[in-house]
Amino acid sequence: MRILPVSVLLLSAAAMSACETTQDQATMSGFTSPSSTGRISGDLSGNPVVPIIDEDGDGFSFTAGSVSGEGLKAVAGLVAGTDVSFRPSVGSASYDGVYALTYVDDISLDNGYIRGERDATSGAITLTADFARGTLVSSNSPVTVNGKLDGRDLSGTVSYRGVNGQLDGLVGGDKTVGAFHGNNANLIYAGGFIAYRE
């Protein structure tokens, strides 16, 4: 795995109908289904994609950019084949690892064009699972994770820079892998985490 270098790029979408589209309508995020190598296809396939994949082939991938005629969008998802071991039903566990995400901020809509600045960030994250209560929460990270467990499946919410988002992933006895995204009119983001049980 690698920590992301920071790179700033100016984005601009194709012309949009300024009289019918608001900035909020033109800022989007969502989940996607990357390939086992982290490739993301679809309307964002021309933008830089960042895969974070460990030696077992487990991980996540994400990207953000402009979608012609629609606006700015960020997506993330677990890479195909990602798996974790059996999840305990009692007790608790702490997982240490990394998060990584890309975001677009400084967004503006002017004369039918939407623009923003794309950047990336990554760092350490600690996640604590309470298997009996079915929860996974983060500490030590700018990404706040509030996860819910259903077997090995992980869902719930995240927050980054005050913008709430959605969480999807897996939690096992060995590791946890998650993907997330969120947006409002002024910020979109997508990314994930992979962390290993202490």
C-alpha atoms as a PDB file:
ATOM      1  CA  MET A   1       0.000   0.000   0.000  1.00  0.00           C
ATOM      2  CA  ARG A   2       1.105   3.566  -0.473  1.00  0.00           C
ATOM      3  CA  ILE A   3       0.313   6.943   0.992  1.00  0.00           C
ATOM      4  CA  LEU A   4      -1.035   9.297  -1.628  1.00  0.00           C
ATOM      5  CA  PRO A   5       1.007  12.163  -2.979  1.00  0.00           C
ATOM      6  CA  VAL A   6      -0.832  15.464  -2.964  1.00  0.00           C
ATOM      7  CA  SER A   7      -1.704  16.756  -6.416  1.00  0.00           C
ATOM      8  CA  VAL A   8      -3.961  19.658  -7.245  1.00  0.00           C
ATOM      9  CA  LEU A   9      -5.804  19.840 -10.547  1.00  0.00           C
ATOM     10  CA  LEU A  10      -8.381  22.310 -11.768  1.00  0.00           C
ATOM     11  CA  LEU A  11     -11.535  20.642 -13.045  1.00  0.00           C
ATOM     12  CA  SER A  12     -14.232  21.988 -15.306  1.00  0.00           C
ATOM     13  CA  ALA A  13     -17.302  20.281 -16.638  1.00  0.00           C
ATOM     14  CA  ALA A  14     -18.839  20.695 -20.049  1.00  0.00           C
ATOM     15  CA  ALA A  15     -21.361  23.442 -20.534  1.00  0.00           C
ATOM     16  CA  MET A  16     -24.535  22.980 -18.529  1.00  0.00           C
ATOM     17  CA  SER A  17     -27.859  24.739 -18.531  1.00  0.00           C
ATOM     18  CA  ALA A  18     -27.161  27.428 -15.944  1.00  0.00           C
ATOM     19  CA  CYS A  19     -30.789  28.472 -15.701  1.00  0.00           C
ATOM     20  CA  GLU A  20     -31.943  24.932 -14.859  1.00  0.00           C
ATOM     21  CA  THR A  21     -29.022  23.548 -12.822  1.00  0.00           C
ATOM     22  CA  THR A  22     -27.981  24.656  -9.343  1.00  0.00           C
ATOM     23  CA  GLN A  23     -24.548  24.050  -7.869  1.00  0.00           C
ATOM     24  CA  ASP A  24     -26.040  21.528  -5.444  1.00  0.00           C
ATOM     25  CA  GLN A  25     -27.548  19.523  -8.325  1.00  0.00           C
ATOM     26  CA  ALA A  26     -24.192  19.486 -10.129  1.00  0.00           C
ATOM     27  CA  THR A  27     -22.149  18.040  -7.220  1.00  0.00           C
ATOM     28  CA  MET A  28     -22.542  14.281  -6.872  1.00  0.00           C
ATOM     29  CA  SER A  29     -20.981  11.249  -5.194  1.00  0.00           C
ATOM     30  CA  GLY A  30     -21.709   7.539  -5.071  1.00  0.00           C
ATOM     31  CA  PHE A  31     -20.501   3.963  -4.890  1.00  0.00           C
ATOM     32  CA  THR A  32     -19.027   2.075  -7.826  1.00  0.00           C
ATOM     33  CA  SER A  33     -17.728  -1.451  -8.511  1.00  0.00           C
ATOM     34  CA  PRO A  34     -14.000  -1.382  -9.346  1.00  0.00           C
ATOM     35  CA  SER A  35     -12.300  -4.337 -11.004  1.00  0.00           C
ATOM     36  CA  SER A  36      -9.865  -6.545  -9.066  1.00  0.00           C
ATOM     37  CA  THR A  37      -7.058  -4.219 -10.181  1.00  0.00           C
ATOM     38  CA  GLY A  38      -8.970  -1.130  -9.071  1.00  0.00           C
ATOM     39  CA  ARG A  39     -10.057   0.048 -12.513  1.00  0.00           C
ATOM     40  CA  ILE A  40     -13.215   2.167 -12.542  1.00  0.00           C
ATOM     41  CA  SER A  41     -15.280   2.301 -15.708  1.00  0.00           C
ATOM     42  CA  GLY A  42     -18.223   4.485 -16.634  1.00  0.00           C
ATOM     43  CA  ASP A  43     -18.642   8.229 -16.835  1.00  0.00           C
ATOM     44  CA  LEU A  44     -15.515   8.916 -14.735  1.00  0.00           C
ATOM     45  CA  SER A  45     -13.215   6.458 -16.510  1.00  0.00           C
ATOM     46  CA  GLY A  46     -11.092   9.249 -17.990  1.00  0.00           C
ATOM     47  CA  ASN A  47     -10.123  10.662 -14.588  1.00  0.00           C
ATOM     48  CA  PRO A  48      -7.166   9.576 -12.400  1.00  0.00           C
ATOM     49  CA  VAL A  49      -8.089   6.470 -10.380  1.00  0.00           C
ATOM     50  CA  VAL A  50      -6.364   5.567  -7.110  1.00  0.00           C
ATOM     51  CA  PRO A  51      -6.438   1.889  -6.063  1.00  0.00           C
ATOM     52  CA  ILE A  52      -5.304   0.900  -2.554  1.00  0.00           C
ATOM     53  CA  ILE A  53      -4.856  -2.895  -2.617  1.00  0.00           C
ATOM     54  CA  ASP A  54      -2.954  -5.102  -0.169  1.00  0.00           C
ATOM     55  CA  GLU A  55      -0.939  -8.253  -0.900  1.00  0.00           C
ATOM     56  CA  ASP A  56      -4.090 -10.385  -0.477  1.00  0.00           C
ATOM     57  CA  GLY A  57      -5.847  -8.483  -3.273  1.00  0.00           C
ATOM     58  CA  ASP A  58      -8.212  -6.737  -0.846  1.00  0.00           C
ATOM     59  CA  GLY A  59      -8.804  -3.012  -0.998  1.00  0.00           C
ATOM     60  CA  PHE A  60     -10.682  -0.098  -2.480  1.00  0.00           C
ATOM     61  CA  SER A  61     -10.454   2.329  -5.368  1.00  0.00           C
ATOM     62  CA  PHE A  62     -11.708   5.855  -5.919  1.00  0.00           C
ATOM     63  CA  THR A  63     -11.746   8.813  -8.281  1.00  0.00           C
ATOM     64  CA  ALA A  64     -13.286  12.231  -8.773  1.00  0.00           C
ATOM     65  CA  GLY A  65     -13.723  14.461 -11.781  1.00  0.00           C
ATOM     66  CA  SER A  66     -16.099  16.060 -14.210  1.00  0.00           C
ATOM     67  CA  VAL A  67     -18.932  14.353 -16.034  1.00  0.00           C
ATOM     68  CA  SER A  68     -19.831  16.046 -19.289  1.00  0.00           C
ATOM     69  CA  GLY A  69     -23.147  17.829 -19.117  1.00  0.00           C
ATOM     70  CA  GLU A  70     -23.786  16.777 -15.502  1.00  0.00           C
ATOM     71  CA  GLY A  71     -21.202  18.302 -13.154  1.00  0.00           C
ATOM     72  CA  LEU A  72     -18.610  17.109 -10.658  1.00  0.00           C
ATOM     73  CA  LYS A  73     -18.693  13.598  -9.221  1.00  0.00           C
ATOM     74  CA  ALA A  74     -16.690  11.424  -6.799  1.00  0.00           C
ATOM     75  CA  VAL A  75     -17.033   7.629  -6.500  1.00  0.00           C
ATOM     76  CA  ALA A  76     -15.451   4.808  -4.499  1.00  0.00           C
ATOM     77  CA  GLY A  77     -15.913   1.073  -4.008  1.00  0.00           C
ATOM     78  CA  LEU A  78     -14.289  -2.123  -2.812  1.00  0.00           C
ATOM     79  CA  VAL A  79     -12.209  -3.829  -5.485  1.00  0.00           C
ATOM     80  CA  ALA A  80     -13.675  -7.051  -6.838  1.00  0.00           C
ATOM     81  CA  GLY A  81     -12.714 -10.101  -4.773  1.00  0.00           C
ATOM     82  CA  THR A  82     -12.144  -8.211  -1.519  1.00  0.00           C
ATOM     83  CA  ASP A  83     -12.778 -10.566   1.394  1.00  0.00           C
ATOM     84  CA  VAL A  84     -12.247 -10.792   5.147  1.00  0.00           C
ATOM     85  CA  SER A  85     -12.210 -13.664   7.615  1.00  0.00           C
ATOM     86  CA  PHE A  86     -15.069 -14.801   9.844  1.00  0.00           C
ATOM     87  CA  ARG A  87     -16.276 -12.049  12.153  1.00  0.00           C
ATOM     88  CA  PRO A  88     -16.533 -12.777  15.895  1.00  0.00           C
ATOM     89  CA  SER A  89     -19.942 -12.267  17.495  1.00  0.00           C
ATOM     90  CA  VAL A  90     -18.716 -11.188  20.933  1.00  0.00           C
ATOM     91  CA  GLY A  91     -15.953  -9.021  22.303  1.00  0.00           C
ATOM     92  CA  SER A  92     -14.219  -6.109  20.620  1.00  0.00           C
ATOM     93  CA  ALA A  93     -11.217  -5.446  18.423  1.00  0.00           C
ATOM     94  CA  SER A  94      -9.040  -2.564  17.339  1.00  0.00           C
ATOM     95  CA  TYR A  95      -7.864  -2.198  13.733  1.00  0.00           C
ATOM     96  CA  ASP A  96      -4.979   0.018  12.614  1.00  0.00           C
ATOM     97  CA  GLY A  97      -4.439   1.057   9.027  1.00  0.00           C
ATOM     98  CA  VAL A  98      -4.768   3.849   6.511  1.00  0.00           C
ATOM     99  CA  TYR A  99      -7.514   5.926   4.933  1.00  0.00           C
ATOM    100  CA  ALA A 100      -7.202   7.628   1.566  1.00  0.00           C
ATOM    101  CA  LEU A 101      -9.571   9.877  -0.343  1.00  0.00           C
ATOM    102  CA  THR A 102      -9.867  12.439  -3.074  1.00  0.00           C
ATOM    103  CA  TYR A 103     -11.995  15.541  -2.869  1.00  0.00           C
ATOM    104  CA  VAL A 104     -13.066  18.536  -4.902  1.00  0.00           C
ATOM    105  CA  ASP A 105     -13.609  21.875  -3.189  1.00  0.00           C
ATOM    106  CA  ASP A 106     -13.613  25.576  -4.077  1.00  0.00           C
ATOM    107  CA  ILE A 107     -16.558  24.701  -6.303  1.00  0.00           C
ATOM    108  CA  SER A 108     -18.328  27.381  -8.294  1.00  0.00           C
ATOM    109  CA  LEU A 109     -20.989  27.447 -11.002  1.00  0.00           C
ATOM    110  CA  ASP A 110     -20.685  30.314 -13.456  1.00  0.00           C
ATOM    111  CA  ASN A 111     -22.120  30.904 -16.920  1.00  0.00           C
ATOM    112  CA  GLY A 112     -23.112  27.267 -17.311  1.00  0.00           C
ATOM    113  CA  TYR A 113     -19.729  25.824 -16.232  1.00  0.00           C
ATOM    114  CA  ILE A 114     -18.929  24.214 -12.900  1.00  0.00           C
ATOM    115  CA  ARG A 115     -15.392  24.288 -11.595  1.00  0.00           C
ATOM    116  CA  GLY A 116     -13.477  23.087  -8.573  1.00  0.00           C
ATOM    117  CA  GLU A 117     -10.062  22.033  -7.330  1.00  0.00           C
ATOM    118  CA  ARG A 118      -9.272  18.355  -6.884  1.00  0.00           C
ATOM    119  CA  ASP A 119      -6.851  17.197  -4.207  1.00  0.00           C
ATOM    120  CA  ALA A 120      -6.031  13.985  -2.335  1.00  0.00           C
ATOM    121  CA  THR A 121      -5.183  13.114   1.233  1.00  0.00           C
ATOM    122  CA  SER A 122      -4.365  10.026   3.259  1.00  0.00           C
ATOM    123  CA  GLY A 123      -3.187   9.066   6.709  1.00  0.00           C
ATOM    124  CA  ALA A 124      -3.460   6.729   9.658  1.00  0.00           C
ATOM    125  CA  ILE A 125      -6.789   5.543  11.022  1.00  0.00           C
ATOM    126  CA  THR A 126      -7.754   3.459  14.034  1.00  0.00           C
ATOM    127  CA  LEU A 127     -11.119   1.682  14.067  1.00  0.00           C
ATOM    128  CA  THR A 128     -12.739  -0.077  17.019  1.00  0.00           C
ATOM    129  CA  ALA A 129     -15.343  -2.811  16.547  1.00  0.00           C
ATOM    130  CA  ASP A 130     -17.834  -3.855  19.211  1.00  0.00           C
ATOM    131  CA  PHE A 131     -18.978  -7.203  17.862  1.00  0.00           C
ATOM    132  CA  ALA A 132     -21.828  -7.678  20.347  1.00  0.00           C
ATOM    133  CA  ARG A 133     -23.303  -4.254  19.620  1.00  0.00           C
ATOM    134  CA  GLY A 134     -22.490  -4.442  15.924  1.00  0.00           C
ATOM    135  CA  THR A 135     -20.612  -1.157  15.658  1.00  0.00           C
ATOM    136  CA  LEU A 136     -17.385   0.137  14.108  1.00  0.00           C
ATOM    137  CA  VAL A 137     -16.145   3.628  14.989  1.00  0.00           C
ATOM    138  CA  SER A 138     -13.004   5.569  14.162  1.00  0.00           C
ATOM    139  CA  SER A 139     -10.539   7.588  16.153  1.00  0.00           C
ATOM    140  CA  ASN A 140      -7.351   9.435  15.293  1.00  0.00           C
ATOM    141  CA  SER A 141      -8.536  10.485  11.823  1.00  0.00           C
ATOM    142  CA  PRO A 142     -10.095  13.425   9.951  1.00  0.00           C
ATOM    143  CA  VAL A 143     -12.578  10.852   8.593  1.00  0.00           C
ATOM    144  CA  THR A 144     -15.244  10.058  11.185  1.00  0.00           C
ATOM    145  CA  VAL A 145     -16.630   6.533  10.783  1.00  0.00           C
ATOM    146  CA  ASN A 146     -19.902   5.445  12.400  1.00  0.00           C
ATOM    147  CA  GLY A 147     -20.412   1.930  11.077  1.00  0.00           C
ATOM    148  CA  LYS A 148     -22.990  -0.791  11.631  1.00  0.00           C
ATOM    149  CA  LEU A 149     -22.222  -4.501  11.320  1.00  0.00           C
ATOM    150  CA  ASP A 150     -24.500  -7.163   9.868  1.00  0.00           C
ATOM    151  CA  GLY A 151     -22.448 -10.329   9.853  1.00  0.00           C
ATOM    152  CA  ARG A 152     -19.313  -9.308   7.981  1.00  0.00           C
ATOM    153  CA  ASP A 153     -21.139  -6.560   6.047  1.00  0.00           C
ATOM    154  CA  LEU A 154     -20.412  -2.967   7.007  1.00  0.00           C
ATOM    155  CA  SER A 155     -22.731  -0.024   6.402  1.00  0.00           C
ATOM    156  CA  GLY A 156     -23.312   3.302   8.113  1.00  0.00           C
ATOM    157  CA  THR A 157     -22.112   6.861   7.774  1.00  0.00           C
ATOM    158  CA  VAL A 158     -18.922   8.882   7.592  1.00  0.00           C
ATOM    159  CA  SER A 159     -18.096  12.554   7.879  1.00  0.00           C
ATOM    160  CA  TYR A 160     -15.237  14.502   6.322  1.00  0.00           C
ATOM    161  CA  ARG A 161     -14.774  18.252   6.830  1.00  0.00           C
ATOM    162  CA  GLY A 162     -18.298  18.400   8.222  1.00  0.00           C
ATOM    163  CA  VAL A 163     -19.916  16.806   5.168  1.00  0.00           C
ATOM    164  CA  ASN A 164     -21.802  13.584   5.886  1.00  0.00           C
ATOM    165  CA  GLY A 165     -21.540  10.573   3.625  1.00  0.00           C
ATOM    166  CA  GLN A 166     -22.314   6.889   3.193  1.00  0.00           C
ATOM    167  CA  LEU A 167     -20.197   3.864   4.108  1.00  0.00           C
ATOM    168  CA  ASP A 168     -19.961   0.357   2.638  1.00  0.00           C
ATOM    169  CA  GLY A 169     -17.512  -2.428   3.389  1.00  0.00           C
ATOM    170  CA  LEU A 170     -16.537  -5.564   5.293  1.00  0.00           C
ATOM    171  CA  VAL A 171     -15.377  -6.320   8.829  1.00  0.00           C
ATOM    172  CA  GLY A 172     -13.722  -9.614   9.766  1.00  0.00           C
ATOM    173  CA  GLY A 173     -11.578 -11.110  12.443  1.00  0.00           C
ATOM    174  CA  ASP A 174      -8.450 -10.166  10.489  1.00  0.00           C
ATOM    175  CA  LYS A 175      -9.123  -6.813   8.834  1.00  0.00           C
ATOM    176  CA  THR A 176     -11.715  -4.251   7.826  1.00  0.00           C
ATOM    177  CA  VAL A 177     -12.031  -2.651   4.391  1.00  0.00           C
ATOM    178  CA  GLY A 178     -14.396   0.214   3.675  1.00  0.00           C
ATOM    179  CA  ALA A 179     -15.361   2.610   0.895  1.00  0.00           C
ATOM    180  CA  PHE A 180     -17.219   5.873   1.386  1.00  0.00           C
ATOM    181  CA  HIS A 181     -18.458   8.990  -0.372  1.00  0.00           C
ATOM    182  CA  GLY A 182     -20.187  12.256   0.470  1.00  0.00           C
ATOM    183  CA  ASN A 183     -21.145  15.575  -1.051  1.00  0.00           C
ATOM    184  CA  ASN A 184     -22.782  18.941  -0.687  1.00  0.00           C
ATOM    185  CA  ALA A 185     -22.794  21.998  -2.926  1.00  0.00           C
ATOM    186  CA  ASN A 186     -19.268  23.018  -1.904  1.00  0.00           C
ATOM    187  CA  LEU A 187     -17.407  19.725  -1.392  1.00  0.00           C
ATOM    188  CA  ILE A 188     -17.453  16.226  -2.857  1.00  0.00           C
ATOM    189  CA  TYR A 189     -15.269  13.351  -1.698  1.00  0.00           C
ATOM    190  CA  ALA A 190     -14.756   9.606  -2.090  1.00  0.00           C
ATOM    191  CA  GLY A 191     -12.270   7.157  -0.667  1.00  0.00           C
ATOM    192  CA  GLY A 192     -11.878   4.313   1.766  1.00  0.00           C
ATOM    193  CA  PHE A 193      -9.809   2.594   4.401  1.00  0.00           C
ATOM    194  CA  ILE A 194      -8.082  -0.691   5.069  1.00  0.00           C
ATOM    195  CA  ALA A 195      -7.038  -1.626   8.577  1.00  0.00           C
ATOM    196  CA  TYR A 196      -5.727  -4.734  10.297  1.00  0.00           C
ATOM    197  CA  ARG A 197      -6.632  -6.196  13.660  1.00  0.00           C
ATOM    198  CA  GLU A 198      -4.051  -5.625  16.348  1.00  0.00           C
END
